[in-house]
Protein backbone atom coordinates (compact mmCIF):
# COMPACT_ATOMS: atom_id res chain seq x y z
CA MET A 1 -49.37 -162.81 -111.05
CA LEU A 2 -48.09 -166.16 -109.79
CA SER A 3 -44.38 -166.61 -109.57
CA THR A 4 -42.89 -170.07 -109.54
CA SER A 5 -39.42 -170.97 -108.48
CA LEU A 6 -38.90 -173.98 -110.71
CA GLY A 7 -35.34 -174.43 -111.79
CA THR A 8 -34.26 -175.30 -115.30
CA ASN A 9 -33.65 -178.93 -114.36
CA GLN A 10 -37.13 -179.23 -112.90
CA ILE A 11 -38.75 -177.75 -116.00
CA ILE A 12 -36.78 -180.11 -118.23
CA GLY A 13 -37.62 -182.99 -115.90
CA ILE A 14 -41.33 -182.26 -115.98
CA SER A 15 -41.21 -181.91 -119.77
CA LEU A 16 -39.43 -185.26 -120.11
CA THR A 17 -41.95 -186.85 -117.76
CA VAL A 18 -44.90 -185.62 -119.81
CA ILE A 19 -43.29 -186.60 -123.13
CA GLY A 20 -42.29 -190.02 -121.78
CA LEU A 21 -45.75 -190.67 -120.37
CA LEU A 22 -47.51 -189.66 -123.59
CA MET A 23 -45.06 -191.66 -125.71
CA THR A 24 -45.47 -194.75 -123.53
CA ILE A 25 -49.28 -194.59 -123.57
CA LEU A 26 -49.36 -193.97 -127.33
CA PHE A 27 -47.08 -196.85 -128.21
CA ILE A 28 -48.71 -199.27 -125.76
CA GLY A 29 -52.00 -198.53 -127.49
CA LEU A 30 -50.46 -198.97 -130.94
CA TYR A 31 -48.75 -202.18 -129.86
CA PHE A 32 -51.99 -203.77 -128.70
CA LEU A 33 -53.81 -202.53 -131.81
CA ILE A 34 -51.18 -204.13 -134.05
CA LYS A 35 -51.13 -207.28 -131.91
CA LYS A 36 -54.90 -207.62 -132.14
CA ARG A 37 -54.99 -207.18 -135.91
CA SER A 38 -51.99 -209.30 -136.76
CA GLU A 39 -51.68 -213.04 -136.32
CA ARG A 40 -47.90 -212.94 -136.54
CA PHE A 41 -47.76 -211.49 -133.01
CA GLY A 42 -49.75 -214.45 -131.71
CA ASN A 43 -46.91 -216.37 -130.16
CA PHE A 44 -44.12 -214.09 -128.91
CA LYS A 45 -41.74 -216.89 -127.95
CA LEU A 46 -42.13 -218.74 -131.25
CA ASN A 47 -41.50 -215.60 -133.30
CA ASN A 48 -38.40 -214.61 -131.38
CA GLN A 49 -36.62 -217.94 -131.15
CA LYS A 50 -34.99 -217.18 -134.50
CA SER A 51 -33.57 -213.84 -133.29
CA MET A 52 -29.81 -214.26 -133.39
CA ASN A 53 -28.87 -210.81 -132.13
CA VAL A 54 -30.30 -207.64 -130.62
CA TRP A 55 -30.83 -205.98 -134.00
CA ASP A 56 -33.07 -208.81 -135.26
CA PHE A 57 -35.11 -208.62 -132.05
CA THR A 58 -35.40 -204.84 -132.40
CA LYS A 59 -36.59 -205.06 -136.00
CA LYS A 60 -39.25 -207.62 -135.07
CA ASN A 61 -40.42 -205.78 -131.95
CA PHE A 62 -39.97 -202.08 -132.74
CA PRO A 63 -43.13 -200.97 -130.87
CA LEU A 64 -41.80 -202.65 -127.71
CA VAL A 65 -38.50 -200.81 -128.09
CA LEU A 66 -40.38 -197.51 -128.35
CA ILE A 67 -42.40 -198.37 -125.23
CA VAL A 68 -39.19 -199.06 -123.29
CA PHE A 69 -37.71 -195.78 -124.58
CA GLY A 70 -40.81 -193.91 -123.39
CA ILE A 71 -40.53 -195.51 -119.96
CA MET A 72 -36.86 -194.50 -119.79
CA LEU A 73 -37.82 -190.89 -120.63
CA LEU A 74 -40.50 -191.00 -117.95
CA VAL A 75 -38.09 -192.22 -115.28
CA ALA A 76 -35.42 -189.71 -116.33
CA GLY A 77 -37.94 -186.89 -116.23
CA ILE A 78 -39.13 -187.84 -112.77
CA ALA A 79 -35.53 -188.05 -111.55
CA MET A 80 -34.74 -184.60 -112.93
CA ALA A 81 -37.94 -183.05 -111.56
CA ILE A 82 -37.27 -184.37 -108.05
CA LYS A 83 -33.76 -182.93 -107.79
């Protein structure tokens, strides 16, 4: 029987890393699928010039927000796993 000496923080960190990586890959794939099928994502700058605040930008670019959230989880998980 193998015994590992991973601490709770390392287990949580590895879990966050895996979840963040999967979430990032999934939403990057979905983003490019939506972008390919939709003409409204054709010109990013033109579509977002009308964004007056962060909430308008978030509503227009929700897949990008989820990608950034996944990357944040990935970085947090790596930081916790290293400690």
